Amino acid sequence: VTLDRGIKEVCDRFKMTYQLNWGDRKKNVCIMVSKYDHCLWELLLRHREGELDCNLKLIISNHPDLKPIADSFNIPFEVFKITKDTRAEQESKELELMQKTYDIDLVIMAPYMQIISD
C-alpha cells in the first residue's frame, strides 16, 4: 500500500499515468524485428516450450521476409515500411496497433534495425 501511494504521488505530480503489475497476469508482448531471423526463432521457440511466460500477440517488421516464420507460429505479422519521409506516420500506426488492437505491455527489439523516434 505504501509503495502504491508513493508511486501515485510522484505520477500525479508529473501528470503521468501508470499501472502496476504484480505478476498476476501475463504480459502482452510484441516483437519488432527486421530481416535477421536468429533472435526471432530463439524467442518463438522458447515461448513454445514455455520458457517465456507471456502472450506473444504480434510481430512487427519493416520487411516482409520473416512473415512465414510468424505464420508457422500463428502470430499476426504486420509490415510497416519505414523511410525518412514516412517514419513519423508509420511509427504512429505501429503504436496505435500495439496499444488499441493488441493491448501490448512490452516490446522486444529482436533486432529491429530502425531507430525509434520520440
PDB file of N, CA and C in Angstrom:
ATOM      1  N   VAL A   1       0.834  -1.198   0.000  1.00  0.00           N
ATOM      2  CA  VAL A   1       0.000   0.000   0.000  1.00  0.00           C
ATOM      3  C   VAL A   1       0.872   1.253   0.000  1.00  0.00           C
ATOM      4  N   THR A   2       1.946   1.253   0.780  1.00  0.00           N
ATOM      5  CA  THR A   2       2.833   2.406   0.850  1.00  0.00           C
ATOM      6  C   THR A   2       3.511   2.655  -0.490  1.00  0.00           C
ATOM      7  N   LEU A   3       3.966   1.606  -1.138  1.00  0.00           N
ATOM      8  CA  LEU A   3       4.598   1.739  -2.448  1.00  0.00           C
ATOM      9  C   LEU A   3       3.594   2.290  -3.458  1.00  0.00           C
ATOM     10  N   ASP A   4       2.384   1.747  -3.474  1.00  0.00           N
ATOM     11  CA  ASP A   4       1.345   2.243  -4.380  1.00  0.00           C
ATOM     12  C   ASP A   4       1.118   3.741  -4.184  1.00  0.00           C
ATOM     13  N   ARG A   5       1.025   4.149  -2.922  1.00  0.00           N
ATOM     14  CA  ARG A   5       0.764   5.551  -2.611  1.00  0.00           C
ATOM     15  C   ARG A   5       1.921   6.430  -3.076  1.00  0.00           C
ATOM     16  N   GLY A   6       3.157   5.988  -2.844  1.00  0.00           N
ATOM     17  CA  GLY A   6       4.325   6.757  -3.262  1.00  0.00           C
ATOM     18  C   GLY A   6       4.398   6.911  -4.772  1.00  0.00           C
ATOM     19  N   ILE A   7       4.133   5.843  -5.484  1.00  0.00           N
ATOM     20  CA  ILE A   7       4.145   5.905  -6.951  1.00  0.00           C
ATOM     21  C   ILE A   7       3.046   6.829  -7.457  1.00  0.00           C
ATOM     22  N   LYS A   8       1.872   6.718  -6.866  1.00  0.00           N
ATOM     23  CA  LYS A   8       0.755   7.579  -7.257  1.00  0.00           C
ATOM     24  C   LYS A   8       1.099   9.051  -7.039  1.00  0.00           C
ATOM     25  N   GLU A   9       1.721   9.356  -5.916  1.00  0.00           N
ATOM     26  CA  GLU A   9       2.083  10.736  -5.605  1.00  0.00           C
ATOM     27  C   GLU A   9       3.046  11.305  -6.648  1.00  0.00           C
ATOM     28  N   VAL A  10       4.083  10.548  -6.977  1.00  0.00           N
ATOM     29  CA  VAL A  10       5.059  11.010  -7.972  1.00  0.00           C
ATOM     30  C   VAL A  10       4.399  11.156  -9.338  1.00  0.00           C
ATOM     31  N   CYS A  11       3.605  10.176  -9.722  1.00  0.00           N
ATOM     32  CA  CYS A  11       2.958  10.226 -11.036  1.00  0.00           C
ATOM     33  C   CYS A  11       1.961  11.378 -11.126  1.00  0.00           C
ATOM     34  N   ASP A  12       1.221  11.614 -10.063  1.00  0.00           N
ATOM     35  CA  ASP A  12       0.289  12.753 -10.050  1.00  0.00           C
ATOM     36  C   ASP A  12       1.046  14.067 -10.200  1.00  0.00           C
ATOM     37  N   ARG A  13       2.168  14.186  -9.509  1.00  0.00           N
ATOM     38  CA  ARG A  13       2.954  15.422  -9.559  1.00  0.00           C
ATOM     39  C   ARG A  13       3.430  15.726 -10.977  1.00  0.00           C
ATOM     40  N   PHE A  14       3.810  14.689 -11.710  1.00  0.00           N
ATOM     41  CA  PHE A  14       4.336  14.876 -13.066  1.00  0.00           C
ATOM     42  C   PHE A  14       3.301  14.599 -14.152  1.00  0.00           C
ATOM     43  N   LYS A  15       2.024  14.462 -13.727  1.00  0.00           N
ATOM     44  CA  LYS A  15       0.924  14.214 -14.671  1.00  0.00           C
ATOM     45  C   LYS A  15       1.207  12.987 -15.537  1.00  0.00           C
ATOM     46  N   MET A  16       1.662  11.919 -14.883  1.00  0.00           N
ATOM     47  CA  MET A  16       1.978  10.664 -15.560  1.00  0.00           C
ATOM     48  C   MET A  16       0.896   9.638 -15.246  1.00  0.00           C
ATOM     49  N   THR A  17       0.680   8.741 -16.183  1.00  0.00           N
ATOM     50  CA  THR A  17      -0.191   7.604 -15.905  1.00  0.00           C
ATOM     51  C   THR A  17       0.688   6.399 -15.618  1.00  0.00           C
ATOM     52  N   TYR A  18       0.179   5.462 -14.850  1.00  0.00           N
ATOM     53  CA  TYR A  18       0.951   4.288 -14.506  1.00  0.00           C
ATOM     54  C   TYR A  18       0.009   3.114 -14.258  1.00  0.00           C
ATOM     55  N   GLN A  19       0.600   1.953 -14.280  1.00  0.00           N
ATOM     56  CA  GLN A  19      -0.134   0.731 -13.970  1.00  0.00           C
ATOM     57  C   GLN A  19       0.863  -0.241 -13.356  1.00  0.00           C
ATOM     58  N   LEU A  20       0.554  -0.730 -12.183  1.00  0.00           N
ATOM     59  CA  LEU A  20       1.417  -1.708 -11.537  1.00  0.00           C
ATOM     60  C   LEU A  20       0.929  -3.105 -11.859  1.00  0.00           C
ATOM     61  N   ASN A  21       1.874  -3.967 -12.157  1.00  0.00           N
ATOM     62  CA  ASN A  21       1.540  -5.356 -12.417  1.00  0.00           C
ATOM     63  C   ASN A  21       2.375  -6.201 -11.473  1.00  0.00           C
ATOM     64  N   TRP A  22       1.716  -6.882 -10.587  1.00  0.00           N
ATOM     65  CA  TRP A  22       2.400  -7.691  -9.585  1.00  0.00           C
ATOM     66  C   TRP A  22       2.602  -9.123 -10.072  1.00  0.00           C
ATOM     67  N   GLY A  23       2.535  -9.347 -11.361  1.00  0.00           N
ATOM     68  CA  GLY A  23       2.783 -10.674 -11.895  1.00  0.00           C
ATOM     69  C   GLY A  23       1.562 -11.572 -11.883  1.00  0.00           C
ATOM     70  N   ASP A  24       0.406 -10.983 -11.657  1.00  0.00           N
ATOM     71  CA  ASP A  24      -0.812 -11.786 -11.597  1.00  0.00           C
ATOM     72  C   ASP A  24      -1.427 -12.014 -12.974  1.00  0.00           C
ATOM     73  N   ARG A  25      -0.870 -11.413 -13.990  1.00  0.00           N
ATOM     74  CA  ARG A  25      -1.316 -11.681 -15.360  1.00  0.00           C
ATOM     75  C   ARG A  25      -0.112 -11.650 -16.294  1.00  0.00           C
ATOM     76  N   LYS A  26      -0.211 -12.439 -17.350  1.00  0.00           N
ATOM     77  CA  LYS A  26       0.862 -12.478 -18.339  1.00  0.00           C
ATOM     78  C   LYS A  26       0.897 -11.175 -19.127  1.00  0.00           C
ATOM     79  N   LYS A  27       2.082 -10.738 -19.477  1.00  0.00           N
ATOM     80  CA  LYS A  27       2.247  -9.538 -20.292  1.00  0.00           C
ATOM     81  C   LYS A  27       1.951  -9.856 -21.752  1.00  0.00           C
ATOM     82  N   ASN A  28       1.319  -8.909 -22.425  1.00  0.00           N
ATOM     83  CA  ASN A  28       1.097  -8.987 -23.864  1.00  0.00           C
ATOM     84  C   ASN A  28       2.327  -8.407 -24.550  1.00  0.00           C
ATOM     85  N   VAL A  29       2.955  -9.206 -25.397  1.00  0.00           N
ATOM     86  CA  VAL A  29       4.259  -8.855 -25.962  1.00  0.00           C
ATOM     87  C   VAL A  29       4.184  -8.715 -27.478  1.00  0.00           C
ATOM     88  N   CYS A  30       4.899  -7.698 -27.968  1.00  0.00           N
ATOM     89  CA  CYS A  30       5.110  -7.505 -29.405  1.00  0.00           C
ATOM     90  C   CYS A  30       6.604  -7.647 -29.663  1.00  0.00           C
ATOM     91  N   ILE A  31       6.942  -8.389 -30.688  1.00  0.00           N
ATOM     92  CA  ILE A  31       8.338  -8.495 -31.120  1.00  0.00           C
ATOM     93  C   ILE A  31       8.504  -7.633 -32.364  1.00  0.00           C
ATOM     94  N   MET A  32       9.494  -6.744 -32.334  1.00  0.00           N
ATOM     95  CA  MET A  32       9.831  -5.956 -33.515  1.00  0.00           C
ATOM     96  C   MET A  32      11.140  -6.507 -34.063  1.00  0.00           C
ATOM     97  N   VAL A  33      11.147  -6.791 -35.368  1.00  0.00           N
ATOM     98  CA  VAL A  33      12.287  -7.469 -35.988  1.00  0.00           C
ATOM     99  C   VAL A  33      12.464  -6.939 -37.410  1.00  0.00           C
ATOM    100  N   SER A  34      13.688  -6.965 -37.897  1.00  0.00           N
ATOM    101  CA  SER A  34      13.952  -6.579 -39.285  1.00  0.00           C
ATOM    102  C   SER A  34      14.132  -7.832 -40.134  1.00  0.00           C
ATOM    103  N   LYS A  35      15.297  -8.036 -40.721  1.00  0.00           N
ATOM    104  CA  LYS A  35      15.492  -9.176 -41.625  1.00  0.00           C
ATOM    105  C   LYS A  35      16.189 -10.369 -40.989  1.00  0.00           C
ATOM    106  N   TYR A  36      16.926 -10.152 -39.922  1.00  0.00           N
ATOM    107  CA  TYR A  36      17.693 -11.245 -39.325  1.00  0.00           C
ATOM    108  C   TYR A  36      16.784 -12.085 -38.445  1.00  0.00           C
ATOM    109  N   ASP A  37      16.772 -13.393 -38.688  1.00  0.00           N
ATOM    110  CA  ASP A  37      15.771 -14.248 -38.045  1.00  0.00           C
ATOM    111  C   ASP A  37      16.237 -14.978 -36.795  1.00  0.00           C
ATOM    112  N   HIS A  38      17.525 -14.968 -36.472  1.00  0.00           N
ATOM    113  CA  HIS A  38      18.027 -15.805 -35.386  1.00  0.00           C
ATOM    114  C   HIS A  38      17.400 -15.464 -34.029  1.00  0.00           C
ATOM    115  N   CYS A  39      17.253 -14.201 -33.700  1.00  0.00           N
ATOM    116  CA  CYS A  39      16.641 -13.824 -32.416  1.00  0.00           C
ATOM    117  C   CYS A  39      15.146 -14.141 -32.410  1.00  0.00           C
ATOM    118  N   LEU A  40      14.487 -13.918 -33.526  1.00  0.00           N
ATOM    119  CA  LEU A  40      13.064 -14.231 -33.608  1.00  0.00           C
ATOM    120  C   LEU A  40      12.833 -15.719 -33.373  1.00  0.00           C
ATOM    121  N   TRP A  41      13.608 -16.559 -34.038  1.00  0.00           N
ATOM    122  CA  TRP A  41      13.490 -18.008 -33.840  1.00  0.00           C
ATOM    123  C   TRP A  41      13.686 -18.370 -32.371  1.00  0.00           C
ATOM    124  N   GLU A  42      14.714 -17.814 -31.762  1.00  0.00           N
ATOM    125  CA  GLU A  42      15.014 -18.111 -30.361  1.00  0.00           C
ATOM    126  C   GLU A  42      13.831 -17.764 -29.458  1.00  0.00           C
ATOM    127  N   LEU A  43      13.274 -16.582 -29.635  1.00  0.00           N
ATOM    128  CA  LEU A  43      12.142 -16.160 -28.809  1.00  0.00           C
ATOM    129  C   LEU A  43      10.915 -17.034 -29.044  1.00  0.00           C
ATOM    130  N   LEU A  44      10.614 -17.310 -30.298  1.00  0.00           N
ATOM    131  CA  LEU A  44       9.422 -18.103 -30.605  1.00  0.00           C
ATOM    132  C   LEU A  44       9.552 -19.535 -30.092  1.00  0.00           C
ATOM    133  N   LEU A  45      10.717 -20.130 -30.242  1.00  0.00           N
ATOM    134  CA  LEU A  45      10.911 -21.495 -29.752  1.00  0.00           C
ATOM    135  C   LEU A  45      10.871 -21.552 -28.225  1.00  0.00           C
ATOM    136  N   ARG A  46      11.467 -20.580 -27.571  1.00  0.00           N
ATOM    137  CA  ARG A  46      11.428 -20.550 -26.103  1.00  0.00           C
ATOM    138  C   ARG A  46       9.999 -20.330 -25.603  1.00  0.00           C
ATOM    139  N   HIS A  47       9.245 -19.520 -26.310  1.00  0.00           N
ATOM    140  CA  HIS A  47       7.843 -19.295 -25.927  1.00  0.00           C
ATOM    141  C   HIS A  47       7.050 -20.590 -26.083  1.00  0.00           C
ATOM    142  N   ARG A  48       7.236 -21.265 -27.200  1.00  0.00           N
ATOM    143  CA  ARG A  48       6.522 -22.517 -27.442  1.00  0.00           C
ATOM    144  C   ARG A  48       6.842 -23.568 -26.374  1.00  0.00           C
ATOM    145  N   GLU A  49       8.078 -23.563 -25.876  1.00  0.00           N
ATOM    146  CA  GLU A  49       8.493 -24.520 -24.851  1.00  0.00           C
ATOM    147  C   GLU A  49       8.101 -24.078 -23.439  1.00  0.00           C
ATOM    148  N   GLY A  50       7.459 -22.906 -23.328  1.00  0.00           N
ATOM    149  CA  GLY A  50       7.004 -22.434 -22.025  1.00  0.00           C
ATOM    150  C   GLY A  50       8.058 -21.688 -21.227  1.00  0.00           C
ATOM    151  N   GLU A  51       9.170 -21.351 -21.849  1.00  0.00           N
ATOM    152  CA  GLU A  51      10.231 -20.635 -21.146  1.00  0.00           C
ATOM    153  C   GLU A  51       9.983 -19.135 -21.073  1.00  0.00           C
ATOM    154  N   LEU A  52       9.135 -18.600 -21.924  1.00  0.00           N
ATOM    155  CA  LEU A  52       8.749 -17.189 -21.877  1.00  0.00           C
ATOM    156  C   LEU A  52       7.285 -17.125 -21.478  1.00  0.00           C
ATOM    157  N   ASP A  53       7.032 -16.717 -20.262  1.00  0.00           N
ATOM    158  CA  ASP A  53       5.678 -16.703 -19.720  1.00  0.00           C
ATOM    159  C   ASP A  53       4.993 -15.394 -20.097  1.00  0.00           C
ATOM    160  N   CYS A  54       4.483 -15.346 -21.323  1.00  0.00           N
ATOM    161  CA  CYS A  54       3.842 -14.141 -21.834  1.00  0.00           C
ATOM    162  C   CYS A  54       2.874 -14.529 -22.950  1.00  0.00           C
ATOM    163  N   ASN A  55       2.112 -13.554 -23.395  1.00  0.00           N
ATOM    164  CA  ASN A  55       1.245 -13.726 -24.558  1.00  0.00           C
ATOM    165  C   ASN A  55       1.925 -13.039 -25.735  1.00  0.00           C
ATOM    166  N   LEU A  56       2.464 -13.815 -26.663  1.00  0.00           N
ATOM    167  CA  LEU A  56       3.051 -13.224 -27.872  1.00  0.00           C
ATOM    168  C   LEU A  56       1.903 -12.862 -28.801  1.00  0.00           C
ATOM    169  N   LYS A  57       1.597 -11.586 -28.875  1.00  0.00           N
ATOM    170  CA  LYS A  57       0.409 -11.121 -29.591  1.00  0.00           C
ATOM    171  C   LYS A  57       0.690 -10.676 -31.015  1.00  0.00           C
ATOM    172  N   LEU A  58       1.921 -10.203 -31.280  1.00  0.00           N
ATOM    173  CA  LEU A  58       2.155  -9.513 -32.543  1.00  0.00           C
ATOM    174  C   LEU A  58       3.638  -9.481 -32.861  1.00  0.00           C
ATOM    175  N   ILE A  59       3.940  -9.556 -34.160  1.00  0.00           N
ATOM    176  CA  ILE A  59       5.294  -9.316 -34.660  1.00  0.00           C
ATOM    177  C   ILE A  59       5.196  -8.185 -35.671  1.00  0.00           C
ATOM    178  N   ILE A  60       6.042  -7.181 -35.490  1.00  0.00           N
ATOM    179  CA  ILE A  60       6.096  -6.036 -36.408  1.00  0.00           C
ATOM    180  C   ILE A  60       7.466  -6.020 -37.061  1.00  0.00           C
ATOM    181  N   SER A  61       7.486  -5.741 -38.358  1.00  0.00           N
ATOM    182  CA  SER A  61       8.748  -5.657 -39.090  1.00  0.00           C
ATOM    183  C   SER A  61       8.689  -4.525 -40.099  1.00  0.00           C
ATOM    184  N   ASN A  62       9.854  -4.122 -40.552  1.00  0.00           N
ATOM    185  CA  ASN A  62       9.928  -3.159 -41.644  1.00  0.00           C
ATOM    186  C   ASN A  62      10.220  -3.865 -42.972  1.00  0.00           C
ATOM    187  N   HIS A  63      10.208  -5.197 -42.941  1.00  0.00           N
ATOM    188  CA  HIS A  63      10.403  -6.021 -44.140  1.00  0.00           C
ATOM    189  C   HIS A  63       9.467  -7.230 -44.060  1.00  0.00           C
ATOM    190  N   PRO A  64       8.988  -7.728 -45.189  1.00  0.00           N
ATOM    191  CA  PRO A  64       8.070  -8.874 -45.174  1.00  0.00           C
ATOM    192  C   PRO A  64       8.759 -10.240 -45.058  1.00  0.00           C
ATOM    193  N   ASP A  65      10.077 -10.279 -45.067  1.00  0.00           N
ATOM    194  CA  ASP A  65      10.842 -11.522 -45.186  1.00  0.00           C
ATOM    195  C   ASP A  65      10.498 -12.600 -44.154  1.00  0.00           C
ATOM    196  N   LEU A  66      10.203 -12.214 -42.913  1.00  0.00           N
ATOM    197  CA  LEU A  66      10.030 -13.189 -41.840  1.00  0.00           C
ATOM    198  C   LEU A  66       8.576 -13.573 -41.584  1.00  0.00           C
ATOM    199  N   LYS A  67       7.678 -13.131 -42.441  1.00  0.00           N
ATOM    200  CA  LYS A  67       6.261 -13.470 -42.271  1.00  0.00           C
ATOM    201  C   LYS A  67       6.016 -14.981 -42.232  1.00  0.00           C
ATOM    202  N   PRO A  68       6.669 -15.784 -43.077  1.00  0.00           N
ATOM    203  CA  PRO A  68       6.438 -17.236 -42.998  1.00  0.00           C
ATOM    204  C   PRO A  68       6.753 -17.837 -41.622  1.00  0.00           C
ATOM    205  N   ILE A  69       7.750 -17.282 -40.944  1.00  0.00           N
ATOM    206  CA  ILE A  69       8.067 -17.768 -39.599  1.00  0.00           C
ATOM    207  C   ILE A  69       6.918 -17.446 -38.652  1.00  0.00           C
ATOM    208  N   ALA A  70       6.443 -16.211 -38.688  1.00  0.00           N
ATOM    209  CA  ALA A  70       5.311 -15.809 -37.835  1.00  0.00           C
ATOM    210  C   ALA A  70       4.092 -16.667 -38.136  1.00  0.00           C
ATOM    211  N   ASP A  71       3.841 -16.895 -39.415  1.00  0.00           N
ATOM    212  CA  ASP A  71       2.686 -17.713 -39.814  1.00  0.00           C
ATOM    213  C   ASP A  71       2.786 -19.127 -39.246  1.00  0.00           C
ATOM    214  N   SER A  72       3.999 -19.684 -39.222  1.00  0.00           N
ATOM    215  CA  SER A  72       4.154 -21.049 -38.722  1.00  0.00           C
ATOM    216  C   SER A  72       3.896 -21.143 -37.214  1.00  0.00           C
ATOM    217  N   PHE A  73       3.952 -20.020 -36.512  1.00  0.00           N
ATOM    218  CA  PHE A  73       3.650 -19.979 -35.081  1.00  0.00           C
ATOM    219  C   PHE A  73       2.269 -19.358 -34.817  1.00  0.00           C
ATOM    220  N   ASN A  74       1.550 -19.050 -35.890  1.00  0.00           N
ATOM    221  CA  ASN A  74       0.207 -18.451 -35.794  1.00  0.00           C
ATOM    222  C   ASN A  74       0.201 -17.139 -35.004  1.00  0.00           C
ATOM    223  N   ILE A  75       1.174 -16.306 -35.290  1.00  0.00           N
ATOM    224  CA  ILE A  75       1.255 -14.996 -34.648  1.00  0.00           C
ATOM    225  C   ILE A  75       1.079 -13.936 -35.737  1.00  0.00           C
ATOM    226  N   PRO A  76       0.187 -12.979 -35.537  1.00  0.00           N
ATOM    227  CA  PRO A  76      -0.008 -11.921 -36.540  1.00  0.00           C
ATOM    228  C   PRO A  76       1.305 -11.191 -36.841  1.00  0.00           C
ATOM    229  N   PHE A  77       1.513 -10.900 -38.116  1.00  0.00           N
ATOM    230  CA  PHE A  77       2.736 -10.257 -38.591  1.00  0.00           C
ATOM    231  C   PHE A  77       2.334  -9.039 -39.399  1.00  0.00           C
ATOM    232  N   GLU A  78       2.813  -7.877 -39.006  1.00  0.00           N
ATOM    233  CA  GLU A  78       2.495  -6.632 -39.709  1.00  0.00           C
ATOM    234  C   GLU A  78       3.774  -5.983 -40.205  1.00  0.00           C
ATOM    235  N   VAL A  79       3.723  -5.469 -41.429  1.00  0.00           N
ATOM    236  CA  VAL A  79       4.873  -4.800 -42.031  1.00  0.00           C
ATOM    237  C   VAL A  79       4.579  -3.309 -42.130  1.00  0.00           C
ATOM    238  N   PHE A  80       5.516  -2.518 -41.657  1.00  0.00           N
ATOM    239  CA  PHE A  80       5.444  -1.067 -41.769  1.00  0.00           C
ATOM    240  C   PHE A  80       6.731  -0.608 -42.438  1.00  0.00           C
ATOM    241  N   LYS A  81       6.637  -0.236 -43.697  1.00  0.00           N
ATOM    242  CA  LYS A  81       7.801   0.245 -44.440  1.00  0.00           C
ATOM    243  C   LYS A  81       8.200   1.613 -43.881  1.00  0.00           C
ATOM    244  N   ILE A  82       9.440   1.725 -43.462  1.00  0.00           N
ATOM    245  CA  ILE A  82       9.937   2.954 -42.851  1.00  0.00           C
ATOM    246  C   ILE A  82      10.922   3.628 -43.803  1.00  0.00           C
ATOM    247  N   THR A  83      10.624   4.880 -44.123  1.00  0.00           N
ATOM    248  CA  THR A  83      11.570   5.725 -44.859  1.00  0.00           C
ATOM    249  C   THR A  83      11.696   7.034 -44.093  1.00  0.00           C
ATOM    250  N   LYS A  84      12.624   7.846 -44.518  1.00  0.00           N
ATOM    251  CA  LYS A  84      12.796   9.151 -43.871  1.00  0.00           C
ATOM    252  C   LYS A  84      11.494   9.951 -43.926  1.00  0.00           C
ATOM    253  N   ASP A  85      10.786   9.841 -45.046  1.00  0.00           N
ATOM    254  CA  ASP A  85       9.564  10.617 -45.240  1.00  0.00           C
ATOM    255  C   ASP A  85       8.346  10.033 -44.525  1.00  0.00           C
ATOM    256  N   THR A  86       8.340   8.724 -44.271  1.00  0.00           N
ATOM    257  CA  THR A  86       7.159   8.081 -43.677  1.00  0.00           C
ATOM    258  C   THR A  86       7.339   7.692 -42.212  1.00  0.00           C
ATOM    259  N   ARG A  87       8.513   7.935 -41.660  1.00  0.00           N
ATOM    260  CA  ARG A  87       8.829   7.467 -40.304  1.00  0.00           C
ATOM    261  C   ARG A  87       7.775   7.853 -39.272  1.00  0.00           C
ATOM    262  N   ALA A  88       7.441   9.125 -39.151  1.00  0.00           N
ATOM    263  CA  ALA A  88       6.501   9.581 -38.114  1.00  0.00           C
ATOM    264  C   ALA A  88       5.131   8.936 -38.288  1.00  0.00           C
ATOM    265  N   GLU A  89       4.635   8.915 -39.512  1.00  0.00           N
ATOM    266  CA  GLU A  89       3.316   8.323 -39.777  1.00  0.00           C
ATOM    267  C   GLU A  89       3.311   6.825 -39.478  1.00  0.00           C
ATOM    268  N   GLN A  90       4.336   6.114 -39.918  1.00  0.00           N
ATOM    269  CA  GLN A  90       4.400   4.670 -39.702  1.00  0.00           C
ATOM    270  C   GLN A  90       4.545   4.331 -38.219  1.00  0.00           C
ATOM    271  N   GLU A  91       5.369   5.066 -37.506  1.00  0.00           N
ATOM    272  CA  GLU A  91       5.532   4.813 -36.075  1.00  0.00           C
ATOM    273  C   GLU A  91       4.227   5.072 -35.328  1.00  0.00           C
ATOM    274  N   SER A  92       3.495   6.081 -35.760  1.00  0.00           N
ATOM    275  CA  SER A  92       2.188   6.357 -35.158  1.00  0.00           C
ATOM    276  C   SER A  92       1.228   5.191 -35.383  1.00  0.00           C
ATOM    277  N   LYS A  93       1.246   4.632 -36.582  1.00  0.00           N
ATOM    278  CA  LYS A  93       0.402   3.471 -36.892  1.00  0.00           C
ATOM    279  C   LYS A  93       0.820   2.246 -36.078  1.00  0.00           C
ATOM    280  N   GLU A  94       2.123   2.049 -35.923  1.00  0.00           N
ATOM    281  CA  GLU A  94       2.617   0.929 -35.119  1.00  0.00           C
ATOM    282  C   GLU A  94       2.125   1.046 -33.679  1.00  0.00           C
ATOM    283  N   LEU A  95       2.288   2.237 -33.112  1.00  0.00           N
ATOM    284  CA  LEU A  95       1.854   2.454 -31.728  1.00  0.00           C
ATOM    285  C   LEU A  95       0.355   2.245 -31.563  1.00  0.00           C
ATOM    286  N   GLU A  96      -0.407   2.756 -32.494  1.00  0.00           N
ATOM    287  CA  GLU A  96      -1.861   2.591 -32.416  1.00  0.00           C
ATOM    288  C   GLU A  96      -2.235   1.107 -32.463  1.00  0.00           C
ATOM    289  N   LEU A  97      -1.618   0.374 -33.359  1.00  0.00           N
ATOM    290  CA  LEU A  97      -1.890  -1.058 -33.455  1.00  0.00           C
ATOM    291  C   LEU A  97      -1.521  -1.772 -32.151  1.00  0.00           C
ATOM    292  N   MET A  98      -0.359  -1.454 -31.613  1.00  0.00           N
ATOM    293  CA  MET A  98       0.078  -2.105 -30.379  1.00  0.00           C
ATOM    294  C   MET A  98      -0.825  -1.752 -29.200  1.00  0.00           C
ATOM    295  N   GLN A  99      -1.218  -0.488 -29.106  1.00  0.00           N
ATOM    296  CA  GLN A  99      -1.983  -0.051 -27.946  1.00  0.00           C
ATOM    297  C   GLN A  99      -3.463  -0.380 -28.058  1.00  0.00           C
ATOM    298  N   LYS A 100      -4.054  -0.080 -29.185  1.00  0.00           N
ATOM    299  CA  LYS A 100      -5.516  -0.184 -29.297  1.00  0.00           C
ATOM    300  C   LYS A 100      -5.998  -1.561 -29.728  1.00  0.00           C
ATOM    301  N   THR A 101      -5.261  -2.227 -30.579  1.00  0.00           N
ATOM    302  CA  THR A 101      -5.704  -3.530 -31.087  1.00  0.00           C
ATOM    303  C   THR A 101      -5.202  -4.684 -30.223  1.00  0.00           C
ATOM    304  N   TYR A 102      -3.942  -4.610 -29.785  1.00  0.00           N
ATOM    305  CA  TYR A 102      -3.332  -5.753 -29.108  1.00  0.00           C
ATOM    306  C   TYR A 102      -3.033  -5.522 -27.620  1.00  0.00           C
ATOM    307  N   ASP A 103      -3.229  -4.319 -27.116  1.00  0.00           N
ATOM    308  CA  ASP A 103      -3.007  -4.020 -25.698  1.00  0.00           C
ATOM    309  C   ASP A 103      -1.624  -4.496 -25.243  1.00  0.00           C
ATOM    310  N   ILE A 104      -0.600  -4.072 -25.977  1.00  0.00           N
ATOM    311  CA  ILE A 104       0.770  -4.526 -25.740  1.00  0.00           C
ATOM    312  C   ILE A 104       1.355  -3.869 -24.493  1.00  0.00           C
ATOM    313  N   ASP A 105       1.968  -4.698 -23.643  1.00  0.00           N
ATOM    314  CA  ASP A 105       2.633  -4.230 -22.426  1.00  0.00           C
ATOM    315  C   ASP A 105       4.134  -4.072 -22.607  1.00  0.00           C
ATOM    316  N   LEU A 106       4.718  -4.901 -23.477  1.00  0.00           N
ATOM    317  CA  LEU A 106       6.165  -4.973 -23.595  1.00  0.00           C
ATOM    318  C   LEU A 106       6.545  -5.183 -25.057  1.00  0.00           C
ATOM    319  N   VAL A 107       7.559  -4.451 -25.501  1.00  0.00           N
ATOM    320  CA  VAL A 107       8.078  -4.602 -26.864  1.00  0.00           C
ATOM    321  C   VAL A 107       9.501  -5.131 -26.781  1.00  0.00           C
ATOM    322  N   ILE A 108       9.768  -6.189 -27.551  1.00  0.00           N
ATOM    323  CA  ILE A 108      11.113  -6.766 -27.633  1.00  0.00           C
ATOM    324  C   ILE A 108      11.683  -6.426 -29.004  1.00  0.00           C
ATOM    325  N   MET A 109      12.849  -5.804 -29.038  1.00  0.00           N
ATOM    326  CA  MET A 109      13.533  -5.474 -30.285  1.00  0.00           C
ATOM    327  C   MET A 109      14.501  -6.620 -30.566  1.00  0.00           C
ATOM    328  N   ALA A 110      14.261  -7.376 -31.660  1.00  0.00           N
ATOM    329  CA  ALA A 110      14.937  -8.669 -31.791  1.00  0.00           C
ATOM    330  C   ALA A 110      15.526  -8.966 -33.161  1.00  0.00           C
ATOM    331  N   PRO A 111      16.501  -8.397 -33.670  1.00  0.00           N
ATOM    332  CA  PRO A 111      16.807  -6.979 -33.618  1.00  0.00           C
ATOM    333  C   PRO A 111      15.944  -6.244 -34.621  1.00  0.00           C
ATOM    334  N   TYR A 112      15.586  -5.035 -34.259  1.00  0.00           N
ATOM    335  CA  TYR A 112      14.815  -4.150 -35.132  1.00  0.00           C
ATOM    336  C   TYR A 112      15.764  -3.058 -35.548  1.00  0.00           C
ATOM    337  N   MET A 113      16.123  -3.048 -36.814  1.00  0.00           N
ATOM    338  CA  MET A 113      17.204  -2.193 -37.298  1.00  0.00           C
ATOM    339  C   MET A 113      16.718  -0.809 -37.698  1.00  0.00           C
ATOM    340  N   GLN A 114      15.931  -0.217 -36.827  1.00  0.00           N
ATOM    341  CA  GLN A 114      15.471   1.164 -37.008  1.00  0.00           C
ATOM    342  C   GLN A 114      15.642   1.877 -35.686  1.00  0.00           C
ATOM    343  N   ILE A 115      15.912   3.160 -35.757  1.00  0.00           N
ATOM    344  CA  ILE A 115      15.928   3.972 -34.545  1.00  0.00           C
ATOM    345  C   ILE A 115      14.525   4.504 -34.356  1.00  0.00           C
ATOM    346  N   ILE A 116      13.969   4.265 -33.167  1.00  0.00           N
ATOM    347  CA  ILE A 116      12.622   4.705 -32.867  1.00  0.00           C
ATOM    348  C   ILE A 116      12.661   6.178 -32.452  1.00  0.00           C
ATOM    349  N   SER A 117      11.763   6.974 -33.012  1.00  0.00           N
ATOM    350  CA  SER A 117      11.699   8.400 -32.676  1.00  0.00           C
ATOM    351  C   SER A 117      11.126   8.606 -31.291  1.00  0.00           C
ATOM    352  N   ASP A 118      11.116   9.850 -30.867  1.00  0.00           N
ATOM    353  CA  ASP A 118      10.478  10.197 -29.582  1.00  0.00           C
ATOM    354  C   ASP A 118       9.068   9.787 -29.684  1.00  0.00           C
TER     355      ASP A 118
END
